[in-house]
Amino acid sequence: MSDQEPGDVRHKHSEFGDQVGEKERRKVRARRNKDRSIWFGLGMFGVVGWSVAIPTLIGLAIGIWVDANIPSRFSWTLMGLMIGLLVGCLNAWYWLNSEGHLADEEEDEEHGND
């Protein structure tokens, strides 16, 4: 006889069924989201990069302008750079977080969860 209990076999069949079901859901999601190709992913990297770079450069430019026009013992260039970088990172975080929520909502709709 075998060392496996009938419950173990049922558990393995259940795991296999879950794996097949998950793969099928991924295929259906991929077919539904044809516009989200590799170019969409690369574009997302670009959006995130620019959402950090632009505020950083703006903060740097403002800091350079303040240093050139208003005498101070503080380096406004460095402060502008750090503030711009912080704003850019928060902007990127917000962007990615909102995209993640959209993906979660789409997945919930697929599974029928409210």
PDB file of N, CA and C in Angstrom:
ATOM      1  N   MET A   1       0.834  -1.175   0.000  1.00  0.00           N
ATOM      2  CA  MET A   1       0.000   0.000   0.000  1.00  0.00           C
ATOM      3  C   MET A   1       0.883   1.244   0.000  1.00  0.00           C
ATOM      4  N   SER A   2       0.265   2.378  -0.112  1.00  0.00           N
ATOM      5  CA  SER A   2       1.037   3.615  -0.159  1.00  0.00           C
ATOM      6  C   SER A   2       1.045   4.267   1.216  1.00  0.00           C
ATOM      7  N   ASP A   3       2.039   5.148   1.403  1.00  0.00           N
ATOM      8  CA  ASP A   3       2.181   5.858   2.667  1.00  0.00           C
ATOM      9  C   ASP A   3       1.283   7.095   2.729  1.00  0.00           C
ATOM     10  N   GLN A   4       0.669   7.441   1.628  1.00  0.00           N
ATOM     11  CA  GLN A   4      -0.148   8.653   1.593  1.00  0.00           C
ATOM     12  C   GLN A   4      -1.558   8.377   2.077  1.00  0.00           C
ATOM     13  N   GLU A   5      -2.072   9.303   2.824  1.00  0.00           N
ATOM     14  CA  GLU A   5      -3.452   9.253   3.275  1.00  0.00           C
ATOM     15  C   GLU A   5      -4.336   9.861   2.189  1.00  0.00           C
ATOM     16  N   PRO A   6      -5.588   9.489   2.132  1.00  0.00           N
ATOM     17  CA  PRO A   6      -6.481  10.078   1.125  1.00  0.00           C
ATOM     18  C   PRO A   6      -6.573  11.603   1.241  1.00  0.00           C
ATOM     19  N   GLY A   7      -6.489  12.133   2.442  1.00  0.00           N
ATOM     20  CA  GLY A   7      -6.523  13.591   2.638  1.00  0.00           C
ATOM     21  C   GLY A   7      -5.330  14.273   1.998  1.00  0.00           C
ATOM     22  N   ASP A   8      -4.146  13.626   2.040  1.00  0.00           N
ATOM     23  CA  ASP A   8      -2.956  14.190   1.423  1.00  0.00           C
ATOM     24  C   ASP A   8      -3.126  14.299  -0.080  1.00  0.00           C
ATOM     25  N   VAL A   9      -3.716  13.300  -0.691  1.00  0.00           N
ATOM     26  CA  VAL A   9      -3.933  13.309  -2.137  1.00  0.00           C
ATOM     27  C   VAL A   9      -4.908  14.424  -2.504  1.00  0.00           C
ATOM     28  N   ARG A  10      -5.970  14.570  -1.715  1.00  0.00           N
ATOM     29  CA  ARG A  10      -6.931  15.635  -1.978  1.00  0.00           C
ATOM     30  C   ARG A  10      -6.278  17.006  -1.840  1.00  0.00           C
ATOM     31  N   HIS A  11      -5.397  17.142  -0.853  1.00  0.00           N
ATOM     32  CA  HIS A  11      -4.701  18.405  -0.632  1.00  0.00           C
ATOM     33  C   HIS A  11      -3.810  18.728  -1.831  1.00  0.00           C
ATOM     34  N   LYS A  12      -3.110  17.714  -2.374  1.00  0.00           N
ATOM     35  CA  LYS A  12      -2.246  17.938  -3.539  1.00  0.00           C
ATOM     36  C   LYS A  12      -3.081  18.315  -4.751  1.00  0.00           C
ATOM     37  N   HIS A  13      -4.231  17.673  -4.936  1.00  0.00           N
ATOM     38  CA  HIS A  13      -5.109  18.015  -6.050  1.00  0.00           C
ATOM     39  C   HIS A  13      -5.630  19.442  -5.887  1.00  0.00           C
ATOM     40  N   SER A  14      -5.932  19.835  -4.667  1.00  0.00           N
ATOM     41  CA  SER A  14      -6.417  21.181  -4.400  1.00  0.00           C
ATOM     42  C   SER A  14      -5.341  22.215  -4.723  1.00  0.00           C
ATOM     43  N   GLU A  15      -4.097  21.952  -4.317  1.00  0.00           N
ATOM     44  CA  GLU A  15      -2.992  22.862  -4.623  1.00  0.00           C
ATOM     45  C   GLU A  15      -2.800  22.983  -6.126  1.00  0.00           C
ATOM     46  N   PHE A  16      -2.854  21.858  -6.818  1.00  0.00           N
ATOM     47  CA  PHE A  16      -2.692  21.862  -8.272  1.00  0.00           C
ATOM     48  C   PHE A  16      -3.810  22.665  -8.928  1.00  0.00           C
ATOM     49  N   GLY A  17      -5.023  22.475  -8.475  1.00  0.00           N
ATOM     50  CA  GLY A  17      -6.160  23.225  -9.011  1.00  0.00           C
ATOM     51  C   GLY A  17      -6.015  24.721  -8.775  1.00  0.00           C
ATOM     52  N   ASP A  18      -5.517  25.083  -7.579  1.00  0.00           N
ATOM     53  CA  ASP A  18      -5.286  26.493  -7.274  1.00  0.00           C
ATOM     54  C   ASP A  18      -4.233  27.086  -8.197  1.00  0.00           C
ATOM     55  N   GLN A  19      -3.148  26.331  -8.441  1.00  0.00           N
ATOM     56  CA  GLN A  19      -2.080  26.820  -9.324  1.00  0.00           C
ATOM     57  C   GLN A  19      -2.595  27.005 -10.747  1.00  0.00           C
ATOM     58  N   VAL A  20      -3.363  26.041 -11.238  1.00  0.00           N
ATOM     59  CA  VAL A  20      -3.917  26.141 -12.595  1.00  0.00           C
ATOM     60  C   VAL A  20      -4.875  27.330 -12.680  1.00  0.00           C
ATOM     61  N   GLY A  21      -5.695  27.496 -11.672  1.00  0.00           N
ATOM     62  CA  GLY A  21      -6.638  28.615 -11.651  1.00  0.00           C
ATOM     63  C   GLY A  21      -5.931  29.957 -11.647  1.00  0.00           C
ATOM     64  N   GLU A  22      -4.862  30.078 -10.878  1.00  0.00           N
ATOM     65  CA  GLU A  22      -4.105  31.331 -10.819  1.00  0.00           C
ATOM     66  C   GLU A  22      -3.454  31.641 -12.165  1.00  0.00           C
ATOM     67  N   LYS A  23      -2.894  30.624 -12.812  1.00  0.00           N
ATOM     68  CA  LYS A  23      -2.288  30.836 -14.130  1.00  0.00           C
ATOM     69  C   LYS A  23      -3.342  31.276 -15.140  1.00  0.00           C
ATOM     70  N   GLU A  24      -4.511  30.684 -15.068  1.00  0.00           N
ATOM     71  CA  GLU A  24      -5.587  31.062 -15.988  1.00  0.00           C
ATOM     72  C   GLU A  24      -6.030  32.500 -15.743  1.00  0.00           C
ATOM     73  N   ARG A  25      -6.141  32.902 -14.463  1.00  0.00           N
ATOM     74  CA  ARG A  25      -6.513  34.288 -14.161  1.00  0.00           C
ATOM     75  C   ARG A  25      -5.479  35.259 -14.702  1.00  0.00           C
ATOM     76  N   ARG A  26      -4.187  34.909 -14.593  1.00  0.00           N
ATOM     77  CA  ARG A  26      -3.138  35.777 -15.144  1.00  0.00           C
ATOM     78  C   ARG A  26      -3.257  35.907 -16.653  1.00  0.00           C
ATOM     79  N   LYS A  27      -3.549  34.795 -17.331  1.00  0.00           N
ATOM     80  CA  LYS A  27      -3.698  34.837 -18.791  1.00  0.00           C
ATOM     81  C   LYS A  27      -4.880  35.711 -19.194  1.00  0.00           C
ATOM     82  N   VAL A  28      -5.987  35.563 -18.487  1.00  0.00           N
ATOM     83  CA  VAL A  28      -7.166  36.369 -18.800  1.00  0.00           C
ATOM     84  C   VAL A  28      -6.862  37.846 -18.555  1.00  0.00           C
ATOM     85  N   ARG A  29      -6.185  38.156 -17.450  1.00  0.00           N
ATOM     86  CA  ARG A  29      -5.823  39.542 -17.141  1.00  0.00           C
ATOM     87  C   ARG A  29      -4.891  40.102 -18.209  1.00  0.00           C
ATOM     88  N   ALA A  30      -3.941  39.305 -18.667  1.00  0.00           N
ATOM     89  CA  ALA A  30      -3.008  39.761 -19.699  1.00  0.00           C
ATOM     90  C   ALA A  30      -3.745  40.029 -21.008  1.00  0.00           C
ATOM     91  N   ARG A  31      -4.700  39.180 -21.342  1.00  0.00           N
ATOM     92  CA  ARG A  31      -5.479  39.403 -22.572  1.00  0.00           C
ATOM     93  C   ARG A  31      -6.344  40.657 -22.464  1.00  0.00           C
ATOM     94  N   ARG A  32      -6.888  40.887 -21.282  1.00  0.00           N
ATOM     95  CA  ARG A  32      -7.739  42.049 -21.081  1.00  0.00           C
ATOM     96  C   ARG A  32      -6.924  43.347 -21.119  1.00  0.00           C
ATOM     97  N   ASN A  33      -5.704  43.303 -20.623  1.00  0.00           N
ATOM     98  CA  ASN A  33      -4.850  44.493 -20.557  1.00  0.00           C
ATOM     99  C   ASN A  33      -3.787  44.456 -21.640  1.00  0.00           C
ATOM    100  N   LYS A  34      -4.205  44.314 -22.886  1.00  0.00           N
ATOM    101  CA  LYS A  34      -3.238  44.254 -23.988  1.00  0.00           C
ATOM    102  C   LYS A  34      -2.442  45.544 -24.120  1.00  0.00           C
ATOM    103  N   ASP A  35      -3.039  46.668 -23.723  1.00  0.00           N
ATOM    104  CA  ASP A  35      -2.336  47.943 -23.839  1.00  0.00           C
ATOM    105  C   ASP A  35      -1.192  48.061 -22.829  1.00  0.00           C
ATOM    106  N   ARG A  36      -1.150  47.198 -21.839  1.00  0.00           N
ATOM    107  CA  ARG A  36      -0.075  47.236 -20.842  1.00  0.00           C
ATOM    108  C   ARG A  36       1.024  46.262 -21.236  1.00  0.00           C
ATOM    109  N   SER A  37       1.748  46.635 -22.262  1.00  0.00           N
ATOM    110  CA  SER A  37       2.824  45.790 -22.761  1.00  0.00           C
ATOM    111  C   SER A  37       4.135  46.181 -22.090  1.00  0.00           C
ATOM    112  N   ILE A  38       5.229  45.695 -22.650  1.00  0.00           N
ATOM    113  CA  ILE A  38       6.554  46.050 -22.134  1.00  0.00           C
ATOM    114  C   ILE A  38       6.787  47.548 -22.268  1.00  0.00           C
ATOM    115  N   TRP A  39       6.203  48.140 -23.305  1.00  0.00           N
ATOM    116  CA  TRP A  39       6.361  49.591 -23.498  1.00  0.00           C
ATOM    117  C   TRP A  39       5.661  50.353 -22.391  1.00  0.00           C
ATOM    118  N   PHE A  40       4.537  49.806 -21.918  1.00  0.00           N
ATOM    119  CA  PHE A  40       3.838  50.441 -20.802  1.00  0.00           C
ATOM    120  C   PHE A  40       4.732  50.436 -19.560  1.00  0.00           C
ATOM    121  N   GLY A  41       5.392  49.306 -19.311  1.00  0.00           N
ATOM    122  CA  GLY A  41       6.289  49.213 -18.164  1.00  0.00           C
ATOM    123  C   GLY A  41       7.473  50.154 -18.278  1.00  0.00           C
ATOM    124  N   LEU A  42       8.061  50.222 -19.472  1.00  0.00           N
ATOM    125  CA  LEU A  42       9.183  51.144 -19.672  1.00  0.00           C
ATOM    126  C   LEU A  42       8.737  52.594 -19.547  1.00  0.00           C
ATOM    127  N   GLY A  43       7.541  52.873 -20.050  1.00  0.00           N
ATOM    128  CA  GLY A  43       7.010  54.224 -19.910  1.00  0.00           C
ATOM    129  C   GLY A  43       6.784  54.583 -18.454  1.00  0.00           C
ATOM    130  N   MET A  44       6.375  53.594 -17.664  1.00  0.00           N
ATOM    131  CA  MET A  44       6.164  53.827 -16.238  1.00  0.00           C
ATOM    132  C   MET A  44       7.485  54.181 -15.553  1.00  0.00           C
ATOM    133  N   PHE A  45       8.571  53.489 -15.951  1.00  0.00           N
ATOM    134  CA  PHE A  45       9.884  53.844 -15.409  1.00  0.00           C
ATOM    135  C   PHE A  45      10.217  55.287 -15.749  1.00  0.00           C
ATOM    136  N   GLY A  46       9.908  55.687 -16.986  1.00  0.00           N
ATOM    137  CA  GLY A  46      10.182  57.056 -17.407  1.00  0.00           C
ATOM    138  C   GLY A  46       9.391  58.068 -16.612  1.00  0.00           C
ATOM    139  N   VAL A  47       8.114  57.784 -16.384  1.00  0.00           N
ATOM    140  CA  VAL A  47       7.272  58.699 -15.624  1.00  0.00           C
ATOM    141  C   VAL A  47       7.798  58.844 -14.203  1.00  0.00           C
ATOM    142  N   VAL A  48       8.162  57.737 -13.599  1.00  0.00           N
ATOM    143  CA  VAL A  48       8.688  57.788 -12.233  1.00  0.00           C
ATOM    144  C   VAL A  48      10.005  58.560 -12.204  1.00  0.00           C
ATOM    145  N   GLY A  49      10.868  58.310 -13.184  1.00  0.00           N
ATOM    146  CA  GLY A  49      12.144  59.022 -13.237  1.00  0.00           C
ATOM    147  C   GLY A  49      11.965  60.518 -13.384  1.00  0.00           C
ATOM    148  N   TRP A  50      11.086  60.912 -14.300  1.00  0.00           N
ATOM    149  CA  TRP A  50      10.854  62.342 -14.499  1.00  0.00           C
ATOM    150  C   TRP A  50      10.145  62.966 -13.318  1.00  0.00           C
ATOM    151  N   SER A  51       9.296  62.203 -12.641  1.00  0.00           N
ATOM    152  CA  SER A  51       8.590  62.761 -11.484  1.00  0.00           C
ATOM    153  C   SER A  51       9.544  63.029 -10.324  1.00  0.00           C
ATOM    154  N   VAL A  52      10.710  62.400 -10.333  1.00  0.00           N
ATOM    155  CA  VAL A  52      11.739  62.695  -9.333  1.00  0.00           C
ATOM    156  C   VAL A  52      12.695  63.764  -9.870  1.00  0.00           C
ATOM    157  N   ALA A  53      13.077  63.661 -11.131  1.00  0.00           N
ATOM    158  CA  ALA A  53      14.095  64.556 -11.695  1.00  0.00           C
ATOM    159  C   ALA A  53      13.617  65.999 -11.797  1.00  0.00           C
ATOM    160  N   ILE A  54      12.408  66.219 -12.269  1.00  0.00           N
ATOM    161  CA  ILE A  54      11.922  67.588 -12.478  1.00  0.00           C
ATOM    162  C   ILE A  54      11.842  68.380 -11.169  1.00  0.00           C
ATOM    163  N   PRO A  55      11.194  67.873 -10.107  1.00  0.00           N
ATOM    164  CA  PRO A  55      11.192  68.651  -8.856  1.00  0.00           C
ATOM    165  C   PRO A  55      12.599  68.859  -8.280  1.00  0.00           C
ATOM    166  N   THR A  56      13.492  67.882  -8.476  1.00  0.00           N
ATOM    167  CA  THR A  56      14.865  68.035  -7.983  1.00  0.00           C
ATOM    168  C   THR A  56      15.559  69.178  -8.716  1.00  0.00           C
ATOM    169  N   LEU A  57      15.418  69.219 -10.027  1.00  0.00           N
ATOM    170  CA  LEU A  57      16.046  70.293 -10.800  1.00  0.00           C
ATOM    171  C   LEU A  57      15.426  71.650 -10.494  1.00  0.00           C
ATOM    172  N   ILE A  58      14.121  71.687 -10.287  1.00  0.00           N
ATOM    173  CA  ILE A  58      13.465  72.947  -9.924  1.00  0.00           C
ATOM    174  C   ILE A  58      13.967  73.435  -8.568  1.00  0.00           C
ATOM    175  N   GLY A  59      14.048  72.519  -7.599  1.00  0.00           N
ATOM    176  CA  GLY A  59      14.581  72.894  -6.281  1.00  0.00           C
ATOM    177  C   GLY A  59      16.018  73.372  -6.363  1.00  0.00           C
ATOM    178  N   LEU A  60      16.816  72.716  -7.187  1.00  0.00           N
ATOM    179  CA  LEU A  60      18.208  73.120  -7.379  1.00  0.00           C
ATOM    180  C   LEU A  60      18.288  74.507  -8.004  1.00  0.00           C
ATOM    181  N   ALA A  61      17.489  74.768  -9.031  1.00  0.00           N
ATOM    182  CA  ALA A  61      17.506  76.074  -9.694  1.00  0.00           C
ATOM    183  C   ALA A  61      17.070  77.185  -8.745  1.00  0.00           C
ATOM    184  N   ILE A  62      16.035  76.932  -7.955  1.00  0.00           N
ATOM    185  CA  ILE A  62      15.582  77.937  -6.981  1.00  0.00           C
ATOM    186  C   ILE A  62      16.671  78.194  -5.949  1.00  0.00           C
ATOM    187  N   GLY A  63      17.325  77.118  -5.483  1.00  0.00           N
ATOM    188  CA  GLY A  63      18.401  77.278  -4.513  1.00  0.00           C
ATOM    189  C   GLY A  63      19.573  78.071  -5.066  1.00  0.00           C
ATOM    190  N   ILE A  64      19.943  77.823  -6.311  1.00  0.00           N
ATOM    191  CA  ILE A  64      21.031  78.587  -6.936  1.00  0.00           C
ATOM    192  C   ILE A  64      20.638  80.054  -7.060  1.00  0.00           C
ATOM    193  N   TRP A  65      19.395  80.313  -7.471  1.00  0.00           N
ATOM    194  CA  TRP A  65      18.939  81.684  -7.603  1.00  0.00           C
ATOM    195  C   TRP A  65      18.952  82.412  -6.252  1.00  0.00           C
ATOM    196  N   VAL A  66      18.463  81.745  -5.203  1.00  0.00           N
ATOM    197  CA  VAL A  66      18.440  82.355  -3.869  1.00  0.00           C
ATOM    198  C   VAL A  66      19.874  82.631  -3.400  1.00  0.00           C
ATOM    199  N   ASP A  67      20.790  81.688  -3.588  1.00  0.00           N
ATOM    200  CA  ASP A  67      22.185  81.896  -3.190  1.00  0.00           C
ATOM    201  C   ASP A  67      22.810  83.072  -3.936  1.00  0.00           C
ATOM    202  N   ALA A  68      22.450  83.245  -5.201  1.00  0.00           N
ATOM    203  CA  ALA A  68      23.041  84.323  -5.999  1.00  0.00           C
ATOM    204  C   ALA A  68      22.454  85.690  -5.652  1.00  0.00           C
ATOM    205  N   ASN A  69      21.212  85.754  -5.214  1.00  0.00           N
ATOM    206  CA  ASN A  69      20.542  87.040  -5.010  1.00  0.00           C
ATOM    207  C   ASN A  69      20.346  87.447  -3.555  1.00  0.00           C
ATOM    208  N   ILE A  70      20.351  86.519  -2.648  1.00  0.00           N
ATOM    209  CA  ILE A  70      20.122  86.840  -1.233  1.00  0.00           C
ATOM    210  C   ILE A  70      21.280  86.263  -0.423  1.00  0.00           C
ATOM    211  N   PRO A  71      22.108  87.144   0.151  1.00  0.00           N
ATOM    212  CA  PRO A  71      23.224  86.624   0.944  1.00  0.00           C
ATOM    213  C   PRO A  71      22.725  85.919   2.215  1.00  0.00           C
ATOM    214  N   SER A  72      23.312  84.757   2.480  1.00  0.00           N
ATOM    215  CA  SER A  72      22.926  83.976   3.650  1.00  0.00           C
ATOM    216  C   SER A  72      24.093  83.085   4.044  1.00  0.00           C
ATOM    217  N   ARG A  73      24.123  82.692   5.282  1.00  0.00           N
ATOM    218  CA  ARG A  73      25.195  81.789   5.710  1.00  0.00           C
ATOM    219  C   ARG A  73      24.843  80.334   5.410  1.00  0.00           C
ATOM    220  N   PHE A  74      23.607  80.075   4.958  1.00  0.00           N
ATOM    221  CA  PHE A  74      23.170  78.726   4.597  1.00  0.00           C
ATOM    222  C   PHE A  74      23.302  78.524   3.095  1.00  0.00           C
ATOM    223  N   SER A  75      23.518  77.285   2.704  1.00  0.00           N
ATOM    224  CA  SER A  75      23.580  76.956   1.281  1.00  0.00           C
ATOM    225  C   SER A  75      22.179  76.599   0.803  1.00  0.00           C
ATOM    226  N   TRP A  76      21.539  77.564   0.166  1.00  0.00           N
ATOM    227  CA  TRP A  76      20.198  77.336  -0.353  1.00  0.00           C
ATOM    228  C   TRP A  76      20.221  76.370  -1.526  1.00  0.00           C
ATOM    229  N   THR A  77      21.356  76.279  -2.188  1.00  0.00           N
ATOM    230  CA  THR A  77      21.470  75.323  -3.297  1.00  0.00           C
ATOM    231  C   THR A  77      21.282  73.896  -2.779  1.00  0.00           C
ATOM    232  N   LEU A  78      21.972  73.569  -1.691  1.00  0.00           N
ATOM    233  CA  LEU A  78      21.835  72.226  -1.116  1.00  0.00           C
ATOM    234  C   LEU A  78      20.440  72.008  -0.542  1.00  0.00           C
ATOM    235  N   MET A  79      19.902  73.040   0.111  1.00  0.00           N
ATOM    236  CA  MET A  79      18.551  72.885   0.663  1.00  0.00           C
ATOM    237  C   MET A  79      17.522  72.722  -0.453  1.00  0.00           C
ATOM    238  N   GLY A  80      17.673  73.503  -1.516  1.00  0.00           N
ATOM    239  CA  GLY A  80      16.755  73.368  -2.646  1.00  0.00           C
ATOM    240  C   GLY A  80      16.866  71.997  -3.290  1.00  0.00           C
ATOM    241  N   LEU A  81      18.100  71.494  -3.391  1.00  0.00           N
ATOM    242  CA  LEU A  81      18.310  70.160  -3.951  1.00  0.00           C
ATOM    243  C   LEU A  81      17.622  69.100  -3.098  1.00  0.00           C
ATOM    244  N   MET A  82      17.810  69.166  -1.781  1.00  0.00           N
ATOM    245  CA  MET A  82      17.210  68.175  -0.888  1.00  0.00           C
ATOM    246  C   MET A  82      15.688  68.283  -0.855  1.00  0.00           C
ATOM    247  N   ILE A  83      15.175  69.508  -0.828  1.00  0.00           N
ATOM    248  CA  ILE A  83      13.719  69.682  -0.811  1.00  0.00           C
ATOM    249  C   ILE A  83      13.121  69.187  -2.124  1.00  0.00           C
ATOM    250  N   GLY A  84      13.760  69.521  -3.241  1.00  0.00           N
ATOM    251  CA  GLY A  84      13.281  69.049  -4.542  1.00  0.00           C
ATOM    252  C   GLY A  84      13.318  67.536  -4.638  1.00  0.00           C
ATOM    253  N   LEU A  85      14.377  66.935  -4.121  1.00  0.00           N
ATOM    254  CA  LEU A  85      14.485  65.473  -4.133  1.00  0.00           C
ATOM    255  C   LEU A  85      13.399  64.844  -3.267  1.00  0.00           C
ATOM    256  N   LEU A  86      13.143  65.428  -2.110  1.00  0.00           N
ATOM    257  CA  LEU A  86      12.088  64.929  -1.235  1.00  0.00           C
ATOM    258  C   LEU A  86      10.722  65.028  -1.911  1.00  0.00           C
ATOM    259  N   VAL A  87      10.438  66.174  -2.511  1.00  0.00           N
ATOM    260  CA  VAL A  87       9.160  66.353  -3.207  1.00  0.00           C
ATOM    261  C   VAL A  87       9.047  65.356  -4.363  1.00  0.00           C
ATOM    262  N   GLY A  88      10.145  65.157  -5.111  1.00  0.00           N
ATOM    263  CA  GLY A  88      10.134  64.212  -6.223  1.00  0.00           C
ATOM    264  C   GLY A  88       9.885  62.782  -5.761  1.00  0.00           C
ATOM    265  N   CYS A  89      10.528  62.393  -4.675  1.00  0.00           N
ATOM    266  CA  CYS A  89      10.323  61.033  -4.153  1.00  0.00           C
ATOM    267  C   CYS A  89       8.897  60.838  -3.653  1.00  0.00           C
ATOM    268  N   LEU A  90       8.349  61.843  -2.992  1.00  0.00           N
ATOM    269  CA  LEU A  90       6.955  61.758  -2.545  1.00  0.00           C
ATOM    270  C   LEU A  90       6.010  61.684  -3.748  1.00  0.00           C
ATOM    271  N   ASN A  91       6.328  62.437  -4.796  1.00  0.00           N
ATOM    272  CA  ASN A  91       5.533  62.414  -6.021  1.00  0.00           C
ATOM    273  C   ASN A  91       5.572  61.018  -6.656  1.00  0.00           C
ATOM    274  N   ALA A  92       6.752  60.432  -6.749  1.00  0.00           N
ATOM    275  CA  ALA A  92       6.895  59.086  -7.324  1.00  0.00           C
ATOM    276  C   ALA A  92       6.168  58.055  -6.465  1.00  0.00           C
ATOM    277  N   TRP A  93       6.285  58.180  -5.157  1.00  0.00           N
ATOM    278  CA  TRP A  93       5.602  57.252  -4.254  1.00  0.00           C
ATOM    279  C   TRP A  93       4.091  57.338  -4.462  1.00  0.00           C
ATOM    280  N   TYR A  94       3.574  58.565  -4.548  1.00  0.00           N
ATOM    281  CA  TYR A  94       2.141  58.750  -4.759  1.00  0.00           C
ATOM    282  C   TYR A  94       1.717  58.120  -6.083  1.00  0.00           C
ATOM    283  N   TRP A  95       2.508  58.340  -7.128  1.00  0.00           N
ATOM    284  CA  TRP A  95       2.183  57.814  -8.453  1.00  0.00           C
ATOM    285  C   TRP A  95       2.133  56.285  -8.432  1.00  0.00           C
ATOM    286  N   LEU A  96       3.174  55.665  -7.878  1.00  0.00           N
ATOM    287  CA  LEU A  96       3.227  54.206  -7.824  1.00  0.00           C
ATOM    288  C   LEU A  96       2.145  53.635  -6.912  1.00  0.00           C
ATOM    289  N   ASN A  97       1.861  54.305  -5.828  1.00  0.00           N
ATOM    290  CA  ASN A  97       0.837  53.848  -4.899  1.00  0.00           C
ATOM    291  C   ASN A  97      -0.537  53.877  -5.569  1.00  0.00           C
ATOM    292  N   SER A  98      -0.816  54.932  -6.326  1.00  0.00           N
ATOM    293  CA  SER A  98      -2.112  55.010  -7.000  1.00  0.00           C
ATOM    294  C   SER A  98      -2.222  53.945  -8.091  1.00  0.00           C
ATOM    295  N   GLU A  99      -1.133  53.662  -8.809  1.00  0.00           N
ATOM    296  CA  GLU A  99      -1.149  52.597  -9.812  1.00  0.00           C
ATOM    297  C   GLU A  99      -1.344  51.234  -9.149  1.00  0.00           C
ATOM    298  N   GLY A 100      -0.736  51.039  -7.987  1.00  0.00           N
ATOM    299  CA  GLY A 100      -0.896  49.785  -7.254  1.00  0.00           C
ATOM    300  C   GLY A 100      -2.334  49.580  -6.809  1.00  0.00           C
ATOM    301  N   HIS A 101      -2.990  50.673  -6.373  1.00  0.00           N
ATOM    302  CA  HIS A 101      -4.395  50.567  -5.979  1.00  0.00           C
ATOM    303  C   HIS A 101      -5.271  50.223  -7.167  1.00  0.00           C
ATOM    304  N   LEU A 102      -4.955  50.786  -8.335  1.00  0.00           N
ATOM    305  CA  LEU A 102      -5.736  50.454  -9.531  1.00  0.00           C
ATOM    306  C   LEU A 102      -5.586  48.980  -9.878  1.00  0.00           C
ATOM    307  N   ALA A 103      -4.366  48.463  -9.779  1.00  0.00           N
ATOM    308  CA  ALA A 103      -4.132  47.046 -10.065  1.00  0.00           C
ATOM    309  C   ALA A 103      -4.854  46.164  -9.055  1.00  0.00           C
ATOM    310  N   ASP A 104      -4.851  46.562  -7.783  1.00  0.00           N
ATOM    311  CA  ASP A 104      -5.557  45.795  -6.754  1.00  0.00           C
ATOM    312  C   ASP A 104      -7.059  45.792  -7.008  1.00  0.00           C
ATOM    313  N   GLU A 105      -7.605  46.950  -7.421  1.00  0.00           N
ATOM    314  CA  GLU A 105      -9.036  47.021  -7.704  1.00  0.00           C
ATOM    315  C   GLU A 105      -9.405  46.129  -8.882  1.00  0.00           C
ATOM    316  N   GLU A 106      -8.551  46.104  -9.914  1.00  0.00           N
ATOM    317  CA  GLU A 106      -8.818  45.243 -11.059  1.00  0.00           C
ATOM    318  C   GLU A 106      -8.793  43.771 -10.643  1.00  0.00           C
ATOM    319  N   GLU A 107      -7.858  43.416  -9.773  1.00  0.00           N
ATOM    320  CA  GLU A 107      -7.765  42.034  -9.315  1.00  0.00           C
ATOM    321  C   GLU A 107      -8.973  41.668  -8.472  1.00  0.00           C
ATOM    322  N   ASP A 108      -9.435  42.595  -7.630  1.00  0.00           N
ATOM    323  CA  ASP A 108     -10.628  42.343  -6.814  1.00  0.00           C
ATOM    324  C   ASP A 108     -11.846  42.139  -7.698  1.00  0.00           C
ATOM    325  N   GLU A 109     -11.950  42.924  -8.775  1.00  0.00           N
ATOM    326  CA  GLU A 109     -13.078  42.780  -9.686  1.00  0.00           C
ATOM    327  C   GLU A 109     -13.052  41.415 -10.356  1.00  0.00           C
ATOM    328  N   GLU A 110     -11.846  40.919 -10.679  1.00  0.00           N
ATOM    329  CA  GLU A 110     -11.728  39.605 -11.297  1.00  0.00           C
ATOM    330  C   GLU A 110     -12.192  38.493 -10.376  1.00  0.00           C
ATOM    331  N   HIS A 111     -11.862  38.626  -9.103  1.00  0.00           N
ATOM    332  CA  HIS A 111     -12.206  37.584  -8.128  1.00  0.00           C
ATOM    333  C   HIS A 111     -13.620  37.757  -7.589  1.00  0.00           C
ATOM    334  N   GLY A 112     -14.273  38.872  -7.947  1.00  0.00           N
ATOM    335  CA  GLY A 112     -15.637  39.097  -7.498  1.00  0.00           C
ATOM    336  C   GLY A 112     -15.722  39.625  -6.085  1.00  0.00           C
ATOM    337  N   ASN A 113     -14.605  40.153  -5.549  1.00  0.00           N
ATOM    338  CA  ASN A 113     -14.621  40.712  -4.199  1.00  0.00           C
ATOM    339  C   ASN A 113     -15.091  42.154  -4.267  1.00  0.00           C
ATOM    340  N   ASP A 114     -15.783  42.603  -3.228  1.00  0.00           N
ATOM    341  CA  ASP A 114     -16.235  43.989  -3.183  1.00  0.00           C
ATOM    342  C   ASP A 114     -15.381  44.793  -2.261  1.00  0.00           C
TER     343      ASP A 114
END
